C-alpha cells in the first residue's frame, strides 16, 4: 500500500479511506491482494476490480 501512496503523490492525487481523489473528485480505488494489483474507476457502474501489473499501473 505504501507503493500506491508513493505513486499517487507523483500525480498529485490524494488517498482517502474510500479511494483516490483529485480536487475533491473521486477517481476510483486501487489495491493489492494475493492475486496482484487492481483498480476500479469511480465512473464504472459495476465497480469491477480490473487487474494490473504494478502500483504505478493501478494509479495511472
Protein backbone atom coordinates (compact mmCIF):
# COMPACT_ATOMS: atom_id res chain seq x y z
CA UNK A 1 0.00 0.00 0.00
CA UNK A 2 2.98 2.28 0.50
CA UNK A 3 3.70 1.89 -3.21
CA UNK A 4 0.19 3.12 -4.02
CA UNK A 5 0.67 6.15 -1.77
CA UNK A 6 4.02 6.96 -3.39
CA UNK A 7 2.73 6.59 -6.94
CA UNK A 8 -0.39 8.65 -6.18
CA UNK A 9 1.76 11.51 -4.93
CA UNK A 10 3.57 11.66 -8.27
CA UNK A 11 0.26 12.52 -9.96
CA UNK A 12 -0.96 14.89 -7.24
CA UNK A 13 -3.68 12.51 -6.09
CA UNK A 14 -4.96 12.30 -2.54
CA UNK A 15 -5.53 8.94 -0.84
CA UNK A 16 -8.54 8.77 1.49
CA UNK A 17 -10.21 5.80 3.19
CA UNK A 18 -12.60 5.19 0.33
CA UNK A 19 -10.39 5.86 -2.71
CA UNK A 20 -8.15 8.14 -4.72
CA UNK A 21 -9.16 11.76 -5.26
CA UNK A 22 -8.06 14.73 -7.33
CA UNK A 23 -9.51 18.17 -6.48
CA UNK A 24 -12.19 16.60 -4.22
CA UNK A 25 -13.39 14.35 -7.08
CA UNK A 26 -13.24 10.60 -6.56
CA UNK A 27 -11.33 8.89 -9.37
CA UNK A 28 -11.57 5.31 -8.13
CA UNK A 29 -9.93 2.79 -5.85
CA UNK A 30 -6.71 0.78 -6.01
CA UNK A 31 -5.41 -2.11 -4.01
CA UNK A 32 -3.38 -5.27 -3.83
CA UNK A 33 -4.46 -8.78 -2.94
CA UNK A 34 -2.74 -12.15 -3.07
CA UNK A 35 -3.56 -12.26 -6.78
CA UNK A 36 -1.96 -8.88 -7.56
CA UNK A 37 -2.70 -5.19 -8.11
CA UNK A 38 -6.15 -3.95 -9.14
CA UNK A 39 -8.13 -0.74 -9.66
CA UNK A 40 -11.72 0.40 -10.10
CA UNK A 41 -12.99 3.52 -11.81
CA UNK A 42 -15.47 5.73 -9.95
CA UNK A 43 -17.45 6.16 -13.18
CA UNK A 44 -17.82 2.39 -13.72
CA UNK A 45 -21.30 1.32 -12.66
CA UNK A 46 -20.25 -2.28 -11.97
CA UNK A 47 -17.21 -1.31 -9.85
CA UNK A 48 -15.36 -4.40 -11.05
CA UNK A 49 -11.76 -4.79 -10.00
CA UNK A 50 -9.53 -4.55 -13.05
CA UNK A 51 -6.22 -6.39 -12.66
CA UNK A 52 -2.94 -4.64 -13.50
CA UNK A 53 0.80 -5.28 -13.23
CA UNK A 54 2.01 -2.74 -10.66
CA UNK A 55 1.07 0.04 -8.25
CA UNK A 56 2.03 2.57 -10.93
CA UNK A 57 -0.33 0.95 -13.44
CA UNK A 58 -3.10 0.83 -10.84
CA UNK A 59 -2.79 4.53 -10.01
CA UNK A 60 -2.28 5.67 -13.58
